[in-house]
Structures are given as structure tokens and as C-alpha cells.
Amino acid sequence: MKRSIYPLLTVCLLGILLGFPAVQRGYAQEQDPLNQKIGLKKTKGSVYELLKQISDQTGYLFVYDSRIVENDKSARIPKGVYTLQEAILTIAGKDIAIHIEGKHILLSHSGKKEPAPEKTLLPEELAPQMPVEGKLIDRHTDEPIAYASVSVDSTSIGTITNQNGEFRLLLPDSVQAKPTLLFSHLGYISRRISLSVLTGQKTVVPLDQMVIPIQEVVIRFVNPLQLLHQMIEKREKNYAHAPVYFTSFYREGIEHSQRFVQLTEAVFQIYKSDFNSNRKDQVKILKMRKITNEREKDTLVAKMKSGVSSCLLLDLMKNLPDFIQPAFEANYNYQNTDMTEIDNRLVNVLSFEQKESLTEPLYRGSLYIDATNQALLKAVFEIHPKYIKEAAQMLIEKRNRNLTITPYKVSYIISYKEWNGTYYVNHIRGDLIFKIKKKHFLSFPSTLHTWFEMATCKIDTMDVNRFPRNEQLRTNTIFSDINFTYDDRFWGDFNIIRPEEQLNDLLEKVSAKIEEISY
């Protein structure tokens, strides 16, 4: 049985503080940890490199503000045996105060208070709030960890790291009494850190990779189709039976030849109907802003259609795609290919790929299914590269007759988060990459990258009602063309995912001019 491509693809043509990995401590702590003896080699390098020697020996993680200790500043230390305090002061400077809290060493100005966090510009009804920001990295490779979950433990409030591993979270008074932030990502050991360590800092948080012993993996044969059927059967137990409100951050962007063209960001309130309901989800805009590269927009006119609608459709447990529906499983080959952990729970990795006998553009990817309760925790999939060119008519609504536009890669990532025993959509991202070439010109094709992303910042189950008609957003339109009023006080700070690195400089230059633009 064949089926056309999943309808969500109706799209037209975004240190800081230092933290080091904890290892088993090689020296017994004395009564005062700062008097602990450590041996160091004669070394010259950056402050980052020298402090890492201390971290590797002691297991402590350094936390400090880059306005106090410069990561890249050159430093040296003679060979010898030092107390922990002597070594830190030799590397970081004599005017540094040292405080140990748990496994963290906090560095600040000696005899002075730590710099207060930058003043936030928020609407009066949102203040006061406490900002927490930083970056997640892989402990062994120092590579950023993208799309990791950052949340206040035992609450529905959280965010997602961006492609550079960066996160920013604002905590209202109601949750500041909660002492712990939880950091988690597929394949990594989850980590909890006290808010007292992170507040007012820009902290690098390293995560350890999760290694599952082979004897724990080869427990029994898991029939992939049986696993798929169990996941669908358990929807009734694992997902919401009543509508909820999401407060979500949404953004979509366009890049041409790796140069920024346009970025649109918004904060939505979403009415999410239960998974078994035929009623459509609804979206209401709370805040919105748009940034355009004036030089690039003259060279290429590209607009994304239905990005918001696609995010809603990508709730796979509510809108079952063909690779999950038993009625269409004859189109795919399924394999149980791996086991890993997410949030300290054992997860089966179910891989799927369209059968070779089918030549229409279908999918390949992986589903991450909880081994205990069969809940879908994450899905990663793409249009099969072998047949992606055949999907051009479904992906591109309008095109210039002088251009040849060919789909190159279309991929999606979806994750779910458990809260109070129920799983909700946590993060969605879609990336669509096209090759563009001028007809009748001898030139290499350029690359057009369009993408959309939505992260759930808060879940509310109380007094949930559908929105009045005049407050609803038409989700299948070109979102970037919508008129809006820019709120400078609001965008001064919010639980936003920072733009990708290549956009940072541009955003800084144009943000002051956004208020002058009328849409």
C-alpha cells in the first residue's frame, strides 16, 4: 500500500563561564578542601587550560563570570606541589575570592560582591524574574550539545539549547524556591545543578556520555513491529486526555549561501487539544518580531509558508504519520537497532526506512521509545535522500521561472517531555535545504536553507478554553508577513533560544532599529 508524503511538508519557497568535567578525585580531601595538595607540571597557556589541570585532578567544576576571569588570558604556573587555593590564585589572580559549594568552585572579586546580572527589560506584569543562562557541552569533546532539555526540576517550566548548546531561562518568583535545574539529552547522563550556582552567571555545563554495558543491551529480542504497536496502544495512557495551554517560543529563518536573509520570532499561547480529539489546535500570538538582512533580501525573495502549521502537525502522537500507522507499515522496513538512555530511562531505538521497491518520496529515521512504558520520547526522520527530488512539487509552491530549485535535504526532530505522568511536545525543528541554480548560466548552484523551530516553555492545565475567533492565528499562512507591534520591553529578555552564532553580530546591530520598522 502506498501513500503520498506526510502533509506537513507544505512549505514554500537562527567563555562565558567555564565548567569542567567531574572525574573521580585523585586526592583525599582534608578538612578544608582549599588546603588539598595537588601536583602541577610547569605549564604556560590560557587560564582555561591551566584551570582544567586542576579540574582533572580534583573533580571540581569552576564557575565564574567572564567579566571577572578572562578565559583566554595567558598565564603560567611553575612545576610544584600547591594547595588548591594557591594554584587557583596563581592562575586566576591574587584578587580572586574562592568559594566551594558541592562540586563547584565559585570565583569572584576578593572583598567585593559578584557583578549583578544585566538589568532586564520586561513588561511590568512579568517582573521580577531571575535569568539563568549558559551553554551545554560534551565533557570529552567540548562540542556543544544542541536541543538538550533545560528545566526546573519537578515543574513544567523549561527550554531547549540552540545549535550552539546555549540556553537562557527566566524563572518567575513561583519557582525560584525550587533549588535545582535539570539538564538532559539523548545519550547523556542527566545532571542536576543548584540554582544558587547558576544564578547571575553564564555557565558552561558539561554532560557525560551515557555508556550502556553490552550485557544490559542484549537482554532479549525485541520485535520491532511489536514495539511499534505497543507504542500506539499506550497512547491512551501516556498522552493528554484533556486540552492544555502551551506557552511556546517559535522562530523561523531563511539563509541563502550561508548568509542570513530573514529571522522571525514569536511567543505563542497554544491551545493543544487532546491526542484523541478531532478538534484542531489553536495558536494565539503574544509577542512577535522580525529581522531582515536588507542586502540579502534584494538578491533572493524566498518565503516560508505553513511553518506554524507544520509544527502543530509534527505532534506525531496526535497526527500519526504513515511510518507509525499499522495500515502503512508494509511500506517500511523496521529494525530495533540500539538502546540508549534519556533522563535515566532505558530507551529502544527503532529505525525505519522505506522499502527499496517503492520509488515515491517517503521517509527514513529513528524512533526513541521508552523500554518500560512504550512512550515515544524522540523522533528523528527525513525524506529519503534517494527520492527527495521527487518531492519538489509538494515542497515548493511558487518559483521564479528563471530558477531551477531542487530539494537537497528535508529533516525533522521532535521530542516529548514527561510532566506529572503525562507526555507533552517539548521541542520541534524542521530543516529544508534546496539547491538553486539560474537557468542558462554556467555557475554553481547556491544553497537555500529554510527552517522552523518551536519549544515549549510552560504547560498549563487549568481553565483551558478555546480562543475566540478574532484572537486566532491562521497557521497555514506566511507567518513572516503578519503585521505586529514590536514590544521592546518584552524582547529585552525572555525564555528565548539564542540565534545561531552566525546571526549574533547582525542581531546586535539591527535590534535597536526594529522599533522603527512598521509591518
Protein backbone atom coordinates (compact mmCIF):
# COMPACT_ATOMS: atom_id res chain seq x y z
CA MET A 1 0.00 0.00 0.00
CA LYS A 2 1.42 3.36 -0.99
CA ARG A 3 0.74 6.76 0.44
CA SER A 4 1.76 10.26 -0.58
CA ILE A 5 4.23 12.21 1.51
CA TYR A 6 3.14 13.31 5.01
CA PRO A 7 1.07 16.52 4.52
CA LEU A 8 3.12 18.58 7.00
CA LEU A 9 5.62 19.26 4.22
CA THR A 10 3.67 22.12 2.66
CA VAL A 11 6.46 24.66 2.92
CA CYS A 12 7.37 27.32 0.36
CA LEU A 13 9.90 28.75 -1.04
CA LEU A 14 18.74 31.33 13.80
CA GLY A 15 33.73 31.61 27.72
CA ILE A 16 31.19 32.70 29.11
CA LEU A 17 31.67 30.80 32.16
CA LEU A 18 33.83 27.84 32.45
CA GLY A 19 32.84 24.41 33.65
CA PHE A 20 34.99 21.32 33.55
CA PRO A 21 34.05 17.66 33.70
CA ALA A 22 34.00 15.98 37.05
CA VAL A 23 36.26 12.94 37.45
CA GLN A 24 36.98 10.74 40.41
CA ARG A 25 39.05 12.72 42.86
CA GLY A 26 42.66 11.58 42.98
CA TYR A 27 43.43 13.10 46.39
CA ALA A 28 41.64 12.74 49.69
CA GLN A 29 40.13 15.99 50.83
CA GLU A 30 41.47 17.49 54.01
CA GLN A 31 39.16 19.19 56.44
CA ASP A 32 39.46 22.40 54.39
CA PRO A 33 39.21 21.47 50.68
CA LEU A 34 41.22 24.56 49.73
CA ASN A 35 44.24 23.08 51.58
CA GLN A 36 44.12 19.96 49.43
CA LYS A 37 47.53 19.30 47.82
CA ILE A 38 47.87 18.93 44.06
CA GLY A 39 50.93 18.48 41.85
CA LEU A 40 51.19 20.54 38.68
CA LYS A 41 53.65 20.47 35.79
CA LYS A 42 55.37 23.60 34.57
CA THR A 43 52.80 24.94 32.17
CA LYS A 44 52.11 28.03 30.10
CA GLY A 45 48.73 28.52 28.44
CA SER A 46 45.36 30.15 28.78
CA VAL A 47 43.52 30.44 32.08
CA TYR A 48 41.06 27.89 30.69
CA GLU A 49 43.80 25.34 30.01
CA LEU A 50 45.52 25.77 33.37
CA LEU A 51 42.31 25.57 35.41
CA LYS A 52 41.43 22.42 33.54
CA GLN A 53 44.53 20.74 35.04
CA ILE A 54 43.11 21.48 38.47
CA SER A 55 39.66 20.24 37.48
CA ASP A 56 41.06 16.98 36.08
CA GLN A 57 42.88 16.23 39.33
CA THR A 58 40.26 17.30 41.85
CA GLY A 59 36.93 16.77 40.11
CA TYR A 60 35.74 20.29 40.94
CA LEU A 61 33.86 22.35 38.32
CA PHE A 62 34.83 26.01 38.04
CA VAL A 63 32.07 28.62 37.82
CA TYR A 64 32.86 32.29 37.31
CA ASP A 65 31.83 35.33 35.34
CA SER A 66 33.92 36.08 32.25
CA ARG A 67 33.88 39.71 33.39
CA ILE A 68 35.98 38.59 36.38
CA VAL A 69 38.24 35.87 34.97
CA GLU A 70 39.29 36.00 31.31
CA ASN A 71 39.28 32.53 29.76
CA ASP A 72 41.80 33.34 27.01
CA LYS A 73 44.22 35.36 29.14
CA SER A 74 47.77 33.98 29.06
CA ALA A 75 49.01 32.51 32.35
CA ARG A 76 51.80 30.28 33.62
CA ILE A 77 52.49 28.16 36.67
CA PRO A 78 55.86 26.68 37.77
CA LYS A 79 56.17 22.97 38.43
CA GLY A 80 55.49 22.04 42.02
CA VAL A 81 53.05 20.95 44.71
CA TYR A 82 50.40 23.53 45.61
CA THR A 83 47.37 23.79 47.81
CA LEU A 84 44.18 24.10 45.79
CA GLN A 85 43.88 27.74 46.87
CA GLU A 86 47.50 28.57 45.91
CA ALA A 87 47.09 27.03 42.46
CA ILE A 88 43.87 28.93 41.70
CA LEU A 89 45.26 32.27 42.84
CA THR A 90 48.46 31.74 40.81
CA ILE A 91 46.43 31.11 37.66
CA ALA A 92 43.42 33.40 38.06
CA GLY A 93 44.96 36.28 40.02
CA LYS A 94 45.52 37.30 43.63
CA ASP A 95 42.34 39.40 43.87
CA ILE A 96 40.08 36.39 43.38
CA ALA A 97 37.81 35.11 46.17
CA ILE A 98 37.21 31.35 46.23
CA HIS A 99 34.09 29.64 47.49
CA ILE A 100 33.33 25.90 47.29
CA GLU A 101 29.75 24.67 47.07
CA GLY A 102 29.36 20.95 46.50
CA LYS A 103 31.41 20.01 43.43
CA HIS A 104 31.65 23.61 42.23
CA ILE A 105 34.33 26.23 42.84
CA LEU A 106 32.90 29.74 42.52
CA LEU A 107 35.37 32.54 41.73
CA SER A 108 34.54 36.20 42.40
CA HIS A 109 36.25 39.51 43.15
CA SER A 110 38.02 39.43 46.50
CA GLY A 111 36.15 41.54 49.06
CA LYS A 112 33.53 42.55 46.50
CA LYS A 113 30.14 41.33 45.51
CA GLU A 114 29.82 39.47 42.26
CA PRO A 115 28.58 41.63 39.38
CA ALA A 116 24.82 41.83 39.30
CA PRO A 117 23.18 40.31 36.22
CA GLU A 118 22.36 42.74 33.46
CA LYS A 119 19.15 44.66 34.05
CA THR A 120 16.24 43.09 32.25
CA LEU A 121 13.61 45.00 30.37
CA LEU A 122 10.38 43.15 30.90
CA PRO A 123 6.72 44.07 30.96
CA GLU A 124 5.70 45.04 34.47
CA GLU A 125 3.40 42.07 34.76
CA LEU A 126 6.29 39.65 34.18
CA ALA A 127 8.77 41.14 36.67
CA PRO A 128 10.50 40.21 38.84
CA GLN A 129 12.12 37.21 37.20
CA MET A 130 15.51 35.57 37.60
CA PRO A 131 17.63 34.94 34.47
CA VAL A 132 19.69 31.77 34.16
CA GLU A 133 21.87 31.22 31.09
CA GLY A 134 24.80 29.18 29.89
CA LYS A 135 25.98 26.53 27.48
CA LEU A 136 25.93 22.71 27.45
CA ILE A 137 28.97 20.86 26.13
CA ASP A 138 30.13 17.27 25.76
CA ARG A 139 32.59 16.58 28.58
CA HIS A 140 35.01 14.58 26.39
CA THR A 141 34.92 16.54 23.13
CA ASP A 142 34.00 20.07 24.34
CA GLU A 143 31.46 20.14 21.47
CA PRO A 144 28.17 21.99 22.13
CA ILE A 145 25.10 19.85 22.82
CA ALA A 146 22.20 21.10 20.70
CA TYR A 147 18.49 20.59 21.51
CA ALA A 148 19.15 19.50 25.10
CA SER A 149 16.38 19.95 27.66
CA VAL A 150 16.86 22.52 30.45
CA SER A 151 14.11 22.62 33.05
CA VAL A 152 13.32 23.46 36.65
CA ASP A 153 13.15 20.09 38.38
CA SER A 154 9.59 18.88 39.08
CA THR A 155 7.93 21.74 37.16
CA SER A 156 6.64 22.32 33.62
CA ILE A 157 8.96 25.29 33.03
CA GLY A 158 11.96 24.82 30.77
CA THR A 159 13.64 25.50 27.46
CA ILE A 160 15.90 23.92 24.81
CA THR A 161 19.52 24.64 23.96
CA ASN A 162 20.15 26.05 20.48
CA GLN A 163 22.53 24.63 17.87
CA ASN A 164 25.46 26.12 19.77
CA GLY A 165 24.37 24.48 23.02
CA GLU A 166 23.31 27.83 24.52
CA PHE A 167 20.26 28.35 26.69
CA ARG A 168 18.52 31.19 28.53
CA LEU A 169 15.73 30.76 31.03
CA LEU A 170 13.75 33.25 33.09
CA LEU A 171 12.37 31.95 36.36
CA PRO A 172 9.32 33.58 37.96
CA ASP A 173 9.03 34.00 41.72
CA SER A 174 6.74 30.99 41.91
CA VAL A 175 9.55 28.56 41.03
CA GLN A 176 12.60 30.29 42.48
CA ALA A 177 12.05 28.27 45.65
CA LYS A 178 12.78 25.16 43.56
CA PRO A 179 16.51 24.63 44.15
CA THR A 180 17.55 22.61 41.11
CA LEU A 181 17.83 22.81 37.31
CA LEU A 182 17.77 19.56 35.32
CA PHE A 183 19.89 19.18 32.16
CA SER A 184 19.25 16.18 29.91
CA HIS A 185 19.86 14.97 26.38
CA LEU A 186 19.62 11.71 24.47
CA GLY A 187 22.77 9.65 25.06
CA TYR A 188 23.99 11.70 28.04
CA ILE A 189 23.74 11.28 31.79
CA SER A 190 21.22 13.78 33.14
CA ARG A 191 22.62 16.36 35.53
CA ARG A 192 21.09 18.47 38.30
CA ILE A 193 22.70 21.71 39.45
CA SER A 194 21.66 24.04 42.24
CA LEU A 195 20.21 27.37 41.16
CA SER A 196 22.49 29.09 43.66
CA VAL A 197 25.45 28.06 41.50
CA LEU A 198 23.94 29.25 38.21
CA THR A 199 22.13 32.46 39.10
CA GLY A 200 23.64 35.55 37.53
CA GLN A 201 26.30 33.50 35.73
CA LYS A 202 26.91 32.45 32.15
CA THR A 203 27.93 28.91 32.92
CA VAL A 204 29.37 26.13 30.78
CA VAL A 205 27.75 22.85 31.89
CA PRO A 206 29.47 19.62 30.75
CA LEU A 207 27.47 16.39 30.35
CA ASP A 208 28.92 12.87 30.39
CA GLN A 209 28.07 10.47 27.59
CA MET A 210 25.89 7.55 28.61
CA VAL A 211 27.53 4.16 28.11
CA ILE A 212 25.32 1.11 28.50
CA PRO A 213 27.20 -2.19 29.14
CA ILE A 214 26.63 -4.79 26.44
CA GLN A 215 25.15 -7.26 28.91
CA GLU A 216 22.36 -4.74 29.64
CA VAL A 217 21.58 -4.29 25.96
CA VAL A 218 21.35 -7.90 24.85
CA ILE A 219 18.60 -8.90 27.23
CA ARG A 220 16.06 -10.29 24.80
CA PHE A 221 14.99 -9.99 21.20
CA VAL A 222 12.58 -7.11 20.65
CA ASN A 223 10.25 -7.47 17.70
CA PRO A 224 10.29 -4.01 16.04
CA LEU A 225 6.69 -4.17 14.81
CA GLN A 226 5.51 -5.35 18.21
CA LEU A 227 7.33 -2.40 19.77
CA LEU A 228 5.67 -0.02 17.30
CA HIS A 229 2.22 -1.47 18.03
CA GLN A 230 2.77 -1.21 21.80
CA MET A 231 3.73 2.46 21.43
CA ILE A 232 0.46 3.19 19.64
CA GLU A 233 -1.60 1.13 22.07
CA LYS A 234 -0.10 3.00 25.04
CA ARG A 235 -1.05 6.43 23.63
CA GLU A 236 -4.20 6.27 25.74
CA LYS A 237 -2.11 6.03 28.90
CA ASN A 238 0.92 8.19 28.03
CA TYR A 239 -0.57 11.32 26.44
CA ALA A 240 -3.02 14.02 27.48
CA HIS A 241 -6.73 13.25 27.75
CA ALA A 242 -7.69 16.88 28.20
CA PRO A 243 -6.72 20.08 26.37
CA VAL A 244 -3.81 22.13 27.73
CA TYR A 245 -2.21 25.52 27.15
CA PHE A 246 1.39 25.71 25.97
CA THR A 247 3.42 28.89 26.19
CA SER A 248 5.83 28.30 23.33
CA PHE A 249 8.67 30.09 21.63
CA TYR A 250 8.60 29.88 17.82
CA ARG A 251 11.02 31.02 15.18
CA GLU A 252 11.63 30.50 11.51
CA GLY A 253 14.53 31.59 9.36
CA ILE A 254 15.88 31.76 5.84
CA GLU A 255 19.55 31.60 4.88
CA HIS A 256 21.00 31.84 1.38
CA SER A 257 24.54 30.56 0.71
CA GLN A 258 25.11 30.51 4.49
CA ARG A 259 24.15 34.19 4.76
CA PHE A 260 21.24 35.31 6.89
CA VAL A 261 18.21 36.60 4.95
CA GLN A 262 15.37 36.74 7.47
CA LEU A 263 14.50 35.68 11.02
CA THR A 264 11.04 35.79 12.56
CA GLU A 265 10.45 35.02 16.24
CA ALA A 266 7.30 34.89 18.33
CA VAL A 267 5.84 33.79 21.62
CA PHE A 268 2.62 31.84 21.25
CA GLN A 269 -0.09 30.59 23.51
CA ILE A 270 -1.23 27.30 22.03
CA TYR A 271 -4.50 25.56 22.74
CA LYS A 272 -3.49 21.91 22.41
CA SER A 273 -6.42 19.52 22.12
CA ASP A 274 -6.02 16.00 23.48
CA PHE A 275 -4.41 13.36 21.26
CA ASN A 276 -7.70 11.58 20.61
CA SER A 277 -9.62 14.69 19.59
CA ASN A 278 -10.54 15.71 16.06
CA ARG A 279 -10.53 19.39 17.07
CA LYS A 280 -7.66 21.40 15.64
CA ASP A 281 -5.02 23.01 17.80
CA GLN A 282 -5.20 26.81 18.02
CA VAL A 283 -2.50 29.47 18.19
CA LYS A 284 -2.61 32.99 19.60
CA ILE A 285 0.29 35.43 19.14
CA LEU A 286 1.51 37.06 22.35
CA LYS A 287 4.68 38.75 21.03
CA MET A 288 6.47 38.86 17.70
CA ARG A 289 9.49 40.38 15.96
CA LYS A 290 11.13 40.14 12.54
CA ILE A 291 14.65 40.91 11.36
CA THR A 292 15.65 41.17 7.70
CA ASN A 293 19.04 41.48 6.06
CA GLU A 294 18.33 44.35 3.66
CA ARG A 295 21.22 43.49 1.34
CA GLU A 296 20.27 39.83 1.04
CA LYS A 297 16.52 40.29 0.54
CA ASP A 298 17.21 42.12 -2.73
CA THR A 299 19.13 39.17 -4.15
CA LEU A 300 16.60 36.48 -3.28
CA VAL A 301 12.91 36.61 -2.47
CA ALA A 302 12.03 33.48 -0.50
CA LYS A 303 9.13 32.96 1.88
CA MET A 304 8.19 30.05 4.09
CA LYS A 305 4.57 29.02 4.16
CA SER A 306 2.85 26.92 6.82
CA GLY A 307 5.80 26.76 9.21
CA VAL A 308 3.48 27.21 12.22
CA SER A 309 1.05 24.66 10.84
CA SER A 310 3.90 22.21 10.31
CA CYS A 311 4.92 22.50 13.96
CA LEU A 312 1.40 21.57 15.05
CA LEU A 313 1.24 18.66 12.62
CA LEU A 314 4.57 17.35 13.86
CA ASP A 315 2.99 16.28 17.14
CA LEU A 316 3.37 12.70 15.92
CA MET A 317 1.31 11.15 18.70
CA LYS A 318 -1.68 13.29 17.78
CA ASN A 319 -1.18 13.28 13.99
CA LEU A 320 0.17 9.81 13.22
CA PRO A 321 2.45 9.83 10.14
CA ASP A 322 2.45 6.85 7.80
CA PHE A 323 5.63 5.30 9.27
CA ILE A 324 3.83 4.94 12.62
CA GLN A 325 0.40 3.80 11.36
CA PRO A 326 -0.04 -0.01 11.15
CA ALA A 327 -2.08 0.44 7.96
CA PHE A 328 1.03 1.67 6.11
CA GLU A 329 3.76 -0.37 7.78
CA ALA A 330 4.05 -2.51 4.63
CA ASN A 331 5.83 0.49 3.05
CA TYR A 332 8.72 0.33 5.53
CA ASN A 333 11.41 -1.94 6.91
CA TYR A 334 11.74 -1.69 10.71
CA GLN A 335 14.68 -2.68 12.91
CA ASN A 336 15.42 -2.44 16.61
CA THR A 337 18.94 -1.03 16.16
CA ASP A 338 20.14 0.22 19.55
CA MET A 339 19.43 1.01 23.17
CA THR A 340 20.32 4.22 24.99
CA GLU A 341 19.10 6.34 27.90
CA ILE A 342 17.03 9.52 28.07
CA ASP A 343 16.51 11.13 31.50
CA ASN A 344 17.89 7.97 33.14
CA ARG A 345 15.32 5.77 31.42
CA LEU A 346 16.23 2.88 29.13
CA VAL A 347 15.13 3.55 25.55
CA ASN A 348 14.74 1.29 22.50
CA VAL A 349 15.86 2.83 19.21
CA LEU A 350 13.53 1.72 16.41
CA SER A 351 14.88 2.57 12.94
CA PHE A 352 12.75 2.60 9.80
CA GLU A 353 13.32 3.11 6.08
CA GLN A 354 11.07 2.90 3.06
CA LYS A 355 11.30 -0.33 1.12
CA GLU A 356 13.54 -0.37 -1.95
CA SER A 357 10.62 -1.43 -4.15
CA LEU A 358 8.92 1.95 -3.54
CA THR A 359 10.12 4.89 -5.62
CA GLU A 360 7.90 7.66 -4.24
CA PRO A 361 9.44 10.01 -1.64
CA LEU A 362 8.78 8.52 1.80
CA TYR A 363 10.86 8.54 4.99
CA ARG A 364 13.70 7.05 6.93
CA GLY A 365 14.65 7.74 10.54
CA SER A 366 14.57 6.57 14.15
CA LEU A 367 12.02 6.48 16.96
CA TYR A 368 13.21 6.52 20.58
CA ILE A 369 10.71 4.54 22.66
CA ASP A 370 10.76 4.16 26.44
CA ALA A 371 11.51 0.48 27.19
CA THR A 372 9.23 0.49 30.26
CA ASN A 373 6.08 2.37 29.28
CA GLN A 374 6.49 2.45 25.45
CA ALA A 375 6.13 6.26 25.28
CA LEU A 376 7.66 7.99 22.27
CA LEU A 377 10.37 10.28 23.66
CA LYS A 378 12.02 11.44 20.45
CA ALA A 379 11.76 11.08 16.68
CA VAL A 380 14.40 11.95 14.07
CA PHE A 381 13.49 11.46 10.42
CA GLU A 382 13.97 12.79 6.89
CA ILE A 383 12.59 12.41 3.40
CA HIS A 384 14.60 9.60 1.86
CA PRO A 385 17.57 11.24 0.07
CA LYS A 386 17.32 8.84 -2.84
CA TYR A 387 13.87 10.13 -3.79
CA ILE A 388 13.87 13.65 -2.39
CA LYS A 389 13.93 15.32 -5.83
CA GLU A 390 10.54 13.76 -6.49
CA ALA A 391 9.10 15.80 -3.59
CA ALA A 392 9.80 19.18 -5.26
CA GLN A 393 6.19 19.85 -6.25
CA MET A 394 4.99 19.29 -2.68
CA LEU A 395 7.73 21.40 -1.06
CA ILE A 396 7.85 24.40 -3.39
CA GLU A 397 4.65 26.32 -4.01
CA LYS A 398 5.96 29.15 -6.22
CA ARG A 399 9.21 29.63 -8.07
CA ASN A 400 10.86 32.06 -10.44
CA ARG A 401 10.73 30.69 -13.96
CA ASN A 402 14.41 31.59 -14.39
CA LEU A 403 15.49 29.42 -11.46
CA THR A 404 15.89 25.69 -11.03
CA ILE A 405 15.09 24.76 -7.41
CA THR A 406 15.87 21.22 -6.26
CA PRO A 407 15.24 19.79 -2.79
CA TYR A 408 18.51 18.59 -1.23
CA LYS A 409 17.67 17.60 2.36
CA VAL A 410 14.49 17.75 4.48
CA SER A 411 14.75 16.59 8.09
CA TYR A 412 12.81 16.85 11.35
CA ILE A 413 13.46 16.41 15.09
CA ILE A 414 10.65 16.05 17.63
CA SER A 415 10.96 15.40 21.37
CA TYR A 416 8.46 14.81 24.17
CA LYS A 417 8.79 15.61 27.87
CA GLU A 418 7.07 13.92 30.80
CA TRP A 419 5.31 16.13 33.33
CA ASN A 420 3.05 14.80 36.11
CA GLY A 421 2.91 11.39 34.44
CA THR A 422 1.83 12.71 31.02
CA TYR A 423 3.98 13.33 27.92
CA TYR A 424 3.80 16.63 26.03
CA VAL A 425 5.57 18.01 22.97
CA ASN A 426 8.81 19.60 24.14
CA HIS A 427 10.69 20.67 21.00
CA ILE A 428 10.15 20.58 17.24
CA ARG A 429 12.53 21.56 14.45
CA GLY A 430 12.35 21.24 10.69
CA ASP A 431 15.19 21.96 8.23
CA LEU A 432 14.59 22.22 4.49
CA ILE A 433 17.61 22.70 2.22
CA PHE A 434 17.36 23.43 -1.51
CA LYS A 435 19.85 23.87 -4.33
CA ILE A 436 19.16 26.90 -6.55
CA LYS A 437 20.62 27.49 -9.99
CA LYS A 438 19.95 30.15 -12.61
CA LYS A 439 18.84 28.70 -15.90
CA HIS A 440 21.08 29.27 -18.93
CA PHE A 441 24.00 30.35 -16.70
CA LEU A 442 27.24 28.44 -16.25
CA SER A 443 27.51 28.71 -12.48
CA PHE A 444 27.50 26.51 -9.41
CA PRO A 445 24.18 26.17 -7.57
CA SER A 446 23.68 28.11 -4.34
CA THR A 447 22.07 26.77 -1.16
CA LEU A 448 18.77 27.94 0.32
CA HIS A 449 18.15 26.81 3.91
CA THR A 450 14.71 27.38 5.45
CA TRP A 451 13.91 26.18 8.93
CA PHE A 452 11.31 26.43 11.68
CA GLU A 453 11.51 25.61 15.37
CA MET A 454 9.21 25.61 18.38
CA ALA A 455 9.98 24.92 22.05
CA THR A 456 7.51 24.53 24.91
CA CYS A 457 8.39 26.91 27.75
CA LYS A 458 5.41 26.29 30.04
CA ILE A 459 2.44 23.93 30.35
CA ASP A 460 -0.85 24.95 31.98
CA THR A 461 -3.75 22.56 32.56
CA MET A 462 -6.06 24.91 34.49
CA ASP A 463 -9.09 26.68 32.95
CA VAL A 464 -8.20 25.71 29.38
CA ASN A 465 -10.65 27.04 26.78
CA ARG A 466 -10.55 27.55 23.03
CA PHE A 467 -9.62 31.01 21.79
CA PRO A 468 -12.16 33.47 20.37
CA ARG A 469 -12.13 33.58 16.58
CA ASN A 470 -10.69 37.11 16.46
CA GLU A 471 -7.64 36.06 18.55
CA GLN A 472 -6.67 33.03 16.49
CA LEU A 473 -3.71 32.92 14.10
CA ARG A 474 -4.21 31.40 10.66
CA THR A 475 -1.43 28.84 10.87
CA ASN A 476 -1.17 27.93 7.18
CA THR A 477 -0.17 31.43 6.05
CA ILE A 478 3.21 33.09 5.51
CA PHE A 479 3.94 33.93 9.11
CA SER A 480 6.69 36.48 8.44
CA ASP A 481 4.17 38.67 6.57
CA ILE A 482 1.90 39.13 9.59
CA ASN A 483 1.58 42.66 10.98
CA PHE A 484 2.53 43.11 14.61
CA THR A 485 3.59 45.67 17.19
CA TYR A 486 7.14 45.27 18.47
CA ASP A 487 7.42 45.34 22.27
CA ASP A 488 10.92 46.45 23.21
CA ARG A 489 10.41 45.90 26.92
CA PHE A 490 9.33 42.32 26.35
CA TRP A 491 12.07 41.29 23.94
CA GLY A 492 14.69 42.71 26.26
CA ASP A 493 14.57 39.34 28.00
CA PHE A 494 12.51 36.19 27.65
CA ASN A 495 12.90 32.42 27.72
CA ILE A 496 14.25 32.51 24.20
CA ILE A 497 16.61 30.26 22.32
CA ARG A 498 19.51 32.42 21.25
CA PRO A 499 20.07 32.75 17.48
CA GLU A 500 22.77 30.67 15.85
CA GLU A 501 26.26 32.04 16.10
CA GLN A 502 26.37 33.48 12.60
CA LEU A 503 23.37 35.67 13.44
CA ASN A 504 24.65 37.13 16.68
CA ASP A 505 26.54 40.09 15.22
CA LEU A 506 23.71 41.02 12.88
CA LEU A 507 21.07 40.76 15.58
CA GLU A 508 23.06 43.07 17.82
CA LYS A 509 23.34 45.70 15.06
CA VAL A 510 19.71 45.72 13.96
CA SER A 511 17.90 45.12 17.24
CA ALA A 512 17.99 48.84 18.08
CA LYS A 513 16.27 49.63 14.75
CA ILE A 514 13.46 47.11 14.94
CA GLU A 515 11.13 49.54 16.72
CA GLU A 516 11.33 51.89 13.73
CA ILE A 517 10.12 49.24 11.27
CA SER A 518 6.40 49.20 10.52
CA TYR A 519 4.78 46.00 9.21
